[in-house]
Amino acid sequence: MVHAFSRPRSVPGPQVVAPDADHARPRRPSVGVQDTRTRTALVTGASSGIGAAVARRLGDEDGWRLVLTGRDPVRLRQVAEDTSATAFAADLTLPGADRQLTDFALATAGRVDLLVAGAGVGWAGEFLDMPPHTIDEVLDINVLATLRLVRLLLPGMVAAGSGRVVLIGSLAGSVAVRDEAVYSAAKAAIGAFTDSLRYELRGTGVGVTHVVPGVVDTPFFERRGAPYRRSRPRPVPPERVAEAVRTAVLRGRDEVYVPSWLRLPCRVRGAAPGLYRRLAARFG
């Protein structure tokens, strides 16, 4: 589950949000990182939720220069101040915003070594009740904006012979969830894209990681229009997902589930789809 929200109408367009030097904090040395060169990480959806948690986790590491983006400039500014980052407030679904962000990141840092695509939005309810414009919004933010940004950043990584793309998926995209048909479809697309892209990039030095969280305790459910009411699985804090992202980058992992036991329902669905569907129909 990934989390972003609509940019306020009063915001005219992309904004550079510089961190306040007075809020900068010392960074702890990273553990096990062999490359001592300062690397640049671009994190989308960094205004809140998983994206903000990832930014703060990487901000604790020595050797990372952070460029953050999100659609809420006020919240983004706070995260940038907390992490000594440079931020670029933008709605990546707007024409040209992906190019503006890419140009800004390259002009600021020279290159991007890590992309963590955490921007996303959900909607809950029966598909027949879903407004057509919301279908477009869910697909635009979760799929199209992400793919466009990856397309712009990949050439630099391939040319450098190194880099990593981390795409935040969802359990909903792996097993499908009732009353989240379009969100499930969007996250399934991200999962398939991740696998396909990994095959294409084999031998280039560029890695691709798919992070698959279950339920995460963020404002995502408030913004999707319905709270989370199930007793299981229990929500995990976004910091747990952020730590999984950090570990995946450090160890070069292709796929990570948060929590790890979520691999089980995915394997059951793959091995016995009929049984899984009967259980899902009964227990939701």
Protein backbone atom coordinates (compact mmCIF):
# COMPACT_ATOMS: atom_id res chain seq x y z
CA MET A 1 0.00 0.00 0.00
CA VAL A 2 1.38 3.15 -1.02
CA HIS A 3 0.29 6.66 0.00
CA ALA A 4 -0.03 10.17 -1.57
CA PHE A 5 -2.74 12.75 -1.81
CA SER A 6 -4.03 15.49 -4.04
CA ARG A 7 -2.01 18.67 -4.29
CA PRO A 8 -3.98 21.60 -2.88
CA ARG A 9 -5.67 23.68 -5.57
CA SER A 10 -3.88 26.78 -4.34
CA VAL A 11 -0.49 25.36 -5.31
CA PRO A 12 0.26 26.53 -8.88
CA GLY A 13 2.82 23.91 -9.80
CA PRO A 14 6.13 22.33 -8.89
CA GLN A 15 7.92 24.10 -6.07
CA VAL A 16 11.45 23.80 -4.80
CA VAL A 17 11.38 23.45 -1.03
CA ALA A 18 14.77 23.97 0.56
CA PRO A 19 15.44 22.54 4.03
CA ASP A 20 16.07 24.90 6.91
CA ALA A 21 19.71 24.56 7.94
CA ASP A 22 18.75 25.12 11.57
CA HIS A 23 16.75 21.89 11.46
CA ALA A 24 19.56 19.78 9.99
CA ARG A 25 20.63 16.95 12.25
CA PRO A 26 23.82 14.89 12.36
CA ARG A 27 23.68 11.60 10.49
CA ARG A 28 24.74 8.23 11.82
CA PRO A 29 27.19 6.14 9.80
CA SER A 30 25.59 3.47 7.69
CA VAL A 31 26.24 -0.19 8.37
CA GLY A 32 27.77 -2.44 5.75
CA VAL A 33 27.76 0.05 2.88
CA GLN A 34 30.95 -0.42 0.88
CA ASP A 35 30.60 2.57 -1.45
CA THR A 36 31.79 5.67 0.41
CA ARG A 37 30.80 8.02 -2.41
CA THR A 38 27.85 10.28 -1.66
CA ARG A 39 24.91 8.74 -3.47
CA THR A 40 21.64 10.37 -4.44
CA ALA A 41 18.24 8.91 -3.63
CA LEU A 42 15.05 10.30 -5.16
CA VAL A 43 11.95 9.43 -3.13
CA THR A 44 8.43 10.05 -4.43
CA GLY A 45 5.36 10.26 -2.23
CA ALA A 46 7.63 11.70 0.46
CA SER A 47 5.02 14.02 1.94
CA SER A 48 3.74 11.31 4.29
CA GLY A 49 3.29 7.60 4.88
CA ILE A 50 5.80 5.13 3.49
CA GLY A 51 7.57 7.72 1.34
CA ALA A 52 8.20 10.00 4.32
CA ALA A 53 9.36 7.06 6.45
CA VAL A 54 11.78 5.96 3.71
CA ALA A 55 13.15 9.49 3.45
CA ARG A 56 13.72 9.66 7.20
CA ARG A 57 15.35 6.22 7.27
CA LEU A 58 17.74 7.09 4.47
CA GLY A 59 18.29 10.47 6.13
CA ASP A 60 19.73 8.60 9.10
CA GLU A 61 22.37 7.07 6.83
CA ASP A 62 25.68 8.71 6.06
CA GLY A 63 26.44 8.93 2.35
CA TRP A 64 22.96 9.67 0.99
CA ARG A 65 21.95 12.92 -0.64
CA LEU A 66 18.15 13.07 -0.70
CA VAL A 67 15.83 14.63 -3.25
CA LEU A 68 12.19 14.36 -2.20
CA THR A 69 8.94 14.95 -4.02
CA GLY A 70 5.29 14.93 -3.04
CA ARG A 71 2.07 16.79 -3.68
CA ASP A 72 1.74 18.59 -0.34
CA PRO A 73 4.40 21.30 -0.12
CA VAL A 74 3.80 22.01 3.58
CA ARG A 75 4.28 18.42 4.71
CA LEU A 76 7.06 17.90 2.21
CA ARG A 77 8.94 20.87 3.65
CA GLN A 78 8.78 19.33 7.11
CA VAL A 79 10.14 16.01 5.91
CA ALA A 80 12.90 17.83 4.02
CA GLU A 81 13.86 19.72 7.16
CA ASP A 82 13.89 16.49 9.16
CA THR A 83 16.20 14.80 6.68
CA SER A 84 18.41 17.68 5.44
CA ALA A 85 16.98 16.99 1.98
CA THR A 86 16.14 19.07 -1.05
CA ALA A 87 12.50 18.81 -2.07
CA PHE A 88 10.51 19.50 -5.21
CA ALA A 89 6.76 19.67 -4.63
CA ALA A 90 4.89 18.43 -7.69
CA ASP A 91 1.92 16.44 -8.92
CA LEU A 92 3.58 13.87 -11.17
CA THR A 93 0.36 13.21 -13.04
CA LEU A 94 0.52 16.69 -14.59
CA PRO A 95 2.04 16.94 -18.08
CA GLY A 96 5.77 17.55 -17.94
CA ALA A 97 6.08 17.25 -14.14
CA ASP A 98 8.12 14.05 -14.41
CA ARG A 99 10.61 15.76 -16.73
CA GLN A 100 10.81 18.80 -14.46
CA LEU A 101 11.51 16.60 -11.45
CA THR A 102 14.15 14.60 -13.32
CA ASP A 103 15.89 17.74 -14.56
CA PHE A 104 15.80 19.21 -11.06
CA ALA A 105 17.26 16.07 -9.46
CA LEU A 106 20.06 15.82 -12.03
CA ALA A 107 20.84 19.53 -11.79
CA THR A 108 20.91 19.30 -7.99
CA ALA A 109 22.85 16.07 -7.57
CA GLY A 110 24.41 15.26 -10.95
CA ARG A 111 22.96 11.73 -11.00
CA VAL A 112 20.33 9.59 -9.30
CA ASP A 113 21.59 6.31 -7.83
CA LEU A 114 18.35 5.19 -6.19
CA LEU A 115 14.71 5.78 -7.02
CA VAL A 116 12.14 4.82 -4.40
CA ALA A 117 8.71 5.18 -6.02
CA GLY A 118 6.41 5.52 -3.06
CA ALA A 119 3.70 7.78 -4.48
CA GLY A 120 0.25 6.26 -4.68
CA VAL A 121 -3.42 6.61 -3.88
CA GLY A 122 -6.27 4.19 -3.25
CA TRP A 123 -10.05 4.06 -3.38
CA ALA A 124 -12.38 1.69 -1.53
CA GLY A 125 -15.82 0.59 -2.59
CA GLU A 126 -17.58 -1.49 -5.19
CA PHE A 127 -16.30 -0.97 -8.72
CA LEU A 128 -19.80 -0.12 -10.00
CA ASP A 129 -19.85 2.83 -7.61
CA MET A 130 -16.41 4.11 -8.52
CA PRO A 131 -16.45 7.48 -10.33
CA PRO A 132 -14.71 7.34 -13.74
CA HIS A 133 -12.36 10.20 -12.86
CA THR A 134 -11.21 8.27 -9.78
CA ILE A 135 -10.35 5.27 -11.95
CA ASP A 136 -8.10 7.57 -13.95
CA GLU A 137 -6.55 9.04 -10.80
CA VAL A 138 -5.68 5.67 -9.26
CA LEU A 139 -4.09 4.42 -12.48
CA ASP A 140 -2.33 7.71 -13.23
CA ILE A 141 -0.68 8.02 -9.83
CA ASN A 142 0.07 4.39 -9.08
CA VAL A 143 1.10 3.25 -12.55
CA LEU A 144 1.60 5.83 -15.28
CA ALA A 145 3.44 8.49 -13.26
CA THR A 146 5.75 5.84 -11.83
CA LEU A 147 6.54 4.26 -15.20
CA ARG A 148 7.22 7.63 -16.81
CA LEU A 149 9.64 8.61 -14.07
CA VAL A 150 11.46 5.27 -14.22
CA ARG A 151 11.77 5.69 -17.99
CA LEU A 152 13.46 9.07 -17.54
CA LEU A 153 15.89 7.98 -14.83
CA LEU A 154 16.95 4.58 -16.13
CA PRO A 155 19.23 5.73 -18.97
CA GLY A 156 21.53 7.49 -16.51
CA MET A 157 21.71 4.44 -14.26
CA VAL A 158 22.42 2.10 -17.17
CA ALA A 159 25.11 4.45 -18.50
CA ALA A 160 26.72 4.52 -15.05
CA GLY A 161 26.50 0.74 -14.74
CA SER A 162 24.91 0.97 -11.30
CA GLY A 163 21.76 2.03 -9.50
CA ARG A 164 18.54 0.63 -8.14
CA VAL A 165 14.83 1.19 -8.68
CA VAL A 166 12.58 0.35 -5.73
CA LEU A 167 8.87 0.13 -6.51
CA ILE A 168 6.40 0.02 -3.63
CA GLY A 169 3.68 -2.46 -4.44
CA SER A 170 0.96 -3.96 -2.28
CA LEU A 171 -0.39 -7.31 -1.19
CA ALA A 172 -3.57 -6.19 -2.97
CA GLY A 173 -1.69 -6.46 -6.24
CA SER A 174 -0.51 -9.98 -5.47
CA VAL A 175 -3.75 -11.59 -4.29
CA ALA A 176 -6.48 -9.02 -5.13
CA VAL A 177 -8.71 -7.44 -2.50
CA ARG A 178 -12.47 -7.09 -2.42
CA ASP A 179 -13.74 -3.52 -2.91
CA GLU A 180 -10.33 -2.41 -4.21
CA ALA A 181 -10.53 -3.67 -7.78
CA VAL A 182 -8.76 -0.79 -9.51
CA TYR A 183 -6.13 -0.36 -6.80
CA SER A 184 -5.44 -4.10 -6.93
CA ALA A 185 -5.13 -3.90 -10.72
CA ALA A 186 -2.74 -0.96 -10.46
CA LYS A 187 -0.49 -2.70 -7.98
CA ALA A 188 -0.58 -5.92 -9.99
CA ALA A 189 0.66 -3.88 -12.94
CA ILE A 190 3.54 -2.57 -10.83
CA GLY A 191 4.48 -6.11 -9.83
CA ALA A 192 4.50 -7.36 -13.43
CA PHE A 193 6.42 -4.29 -14.58
CA THR A 194 9.04 -4.87 -11.89
CA ASP A 195 9.66 -8.45 -12.98
CA SER A 196 9.79 -7.60 -16.68
CA LEU A 197 12.13 -4.67 -16.12
CA ARG A 198 14.44 -6.79 -13.98
CA TYR A 199 14.79 -9.30 -16.82
CA GLU A 200 15.62 -6.52 -19.28
CA LEU A 201 18.23 -4.94 -17.01
CA ARG A 202 20.10 -8.12 -16.23
CA GLY A 203 23.81 -7.54 -16.71
CA THR A 204 23.56 -3.74 -16.68
CA GLY A 205 24.45 -3.28 -13.01
CA VAL A 206 21.02 -1.76 -12.31
CA GLY A 207 18.77 -3.59 -9.84
CA VAL A 208 15.00 -3.54 -9.44
CA THR A 209 13.27 -4.25 -6.13
CA HIS A 210 9.58 -4.90 -5.53
CA VAL A 211 8.52 -4.13 -1.95
CA VAL A 212 5.17 -5.71 -1.08
CA PRO A 213 3.61 -4.35 2.13
CA GLY A 214 0.38 -5.55 3.62
CA VAL A 215 -1.62 -3.14 5.75
CA VAL A 216 0.42 -0.11 6.79
CA ASP A 217 -0.59 2.34 9.51
CA THR A 218 -0.68 5.58 7.50
CA PRO A 219 -3.34 8.12 6.43
CA PHE A 220 -3.86 6.00 3.29
CA PHE A 221 -7.14 4.52 4.52
CA GLU A 222 -8.58 7.89 5.46
CA ARG A 223 -7.79 9.25 2.03
CA ARG A 224 -9.11 6.25 0.13
CA GLY A 225 -12.56 6.93 1.60
CA ALA A 226 -12.93 4.02 4.03
CA PRO A 227 -11.12 3.07 7.25
CA TYR A 228 -9.45 -0.29 7.78
CA ARG A 229 -11.78 -2.45 9.86
CA ARG A 230 -10.36 -5.96 9.65
CA SER A 231 -8.77 -7.58 12.68
CA ARG A 232 -6.11 -9.30 10.54
CA PRO A 233 -3.64 -8.64 9.17
CA ARG A 234 -2.78 -5.99 11.68
CA PRO A 235 -1.30 -2.74 10.35
CA VAL A 236 2.46 -2.34 10.58
CA PRO A 237 4.15 1.04 11.07
CA PRO A 238 5.55 2.71 7.94
CA GLU A 239 8.98 2.68 9.57
CA ARG A 240 8.99 -1.11 9.23
CA VAL A 241 8.49 -0.79 5.49
CA ALA A 242 11.20 1.86 5.34
CA GLU A 243 13.64 -0.46 7.08
CA ALA A 244 12.75 -3.20 4.57
CA VAL A 245 13.51 -0.78 1.74
CA ARG A 246 16.84 0.13 3.27
CA THR A 247 17.77 -3.54 3.77
CA ALA A 248 16.70 -4.45 0.23
CA VAL A 249 18.91 -1.69 -1.20
CA LEU A 250 21.84 -2.67 1.00
CA ARG A 251 21.61 -6.37 0.11
CA GLY A 252 20.36 -6.07 -3.46
CA ARG A 253 17.13 -7.98 -2.92
CA ASP A 254 14.64 -8.42 -5.74
CA GLU A 255 11.45 -8.79 -3.70
CA VAL A 256 10.55 -8.13 -0.07
CA TYR A 257 7.28 -8.74 1.77
CA VAL A 258 6.38 -6.70 4.85
CA PRO A 259 5.75 -8.57 7.08
CA SER A 260 7.54 -11.58 5.61
CA TRP A 261 4.72 -14.06 6.33
CA LEU A 262 2.67 -12.42 3.57
CA ARG A 263 4.54 -14.63 1.14
CA LEU A 264 2.32 -17.49 2.33
CA PRO A 265 -1.04 -16.32 0.91
CA CYS A 266 0.71 -15.40 -2.32
CA ARG A 267 2.17 -18.90 -2.58
CA VAL A 268 -1.18 -20.51 -1.77
CA ARG A 269 -2.85 -18.46 -4.49
CA GLY A 270 -0.17 -19.47 -6.97
CA ALA A 271 -0.16 -23.15 -6.07
CA ALA A 272 -3.90 -23.66 -5.49
CA PRO A 273 -5.83 -20.73 -6.99
CA GLY A 274 -9.21 -22.45 -6.70
CA LEU A 275 -8.74 -23.12 -2.99
CA TYR A 276 -7.49 -19.60 -2.42
CA ARG A 277 -10.50 -18.06 -4.15
CA ARG A 278 -12.90 -20.13 -2.06
CA LEU A 279 -11.16 -19.04 1.13
CA ALA A 280 -11.03 -15.42 0.02
CA ALA A 281 -14.74 -15.46 -0.88
CA ARG A 282 -15.59 -16.80 2.57
CA PHE A 283 -13.22 -14.85 4.77
CA GLY A 284 -12.67 -11.73 2.66
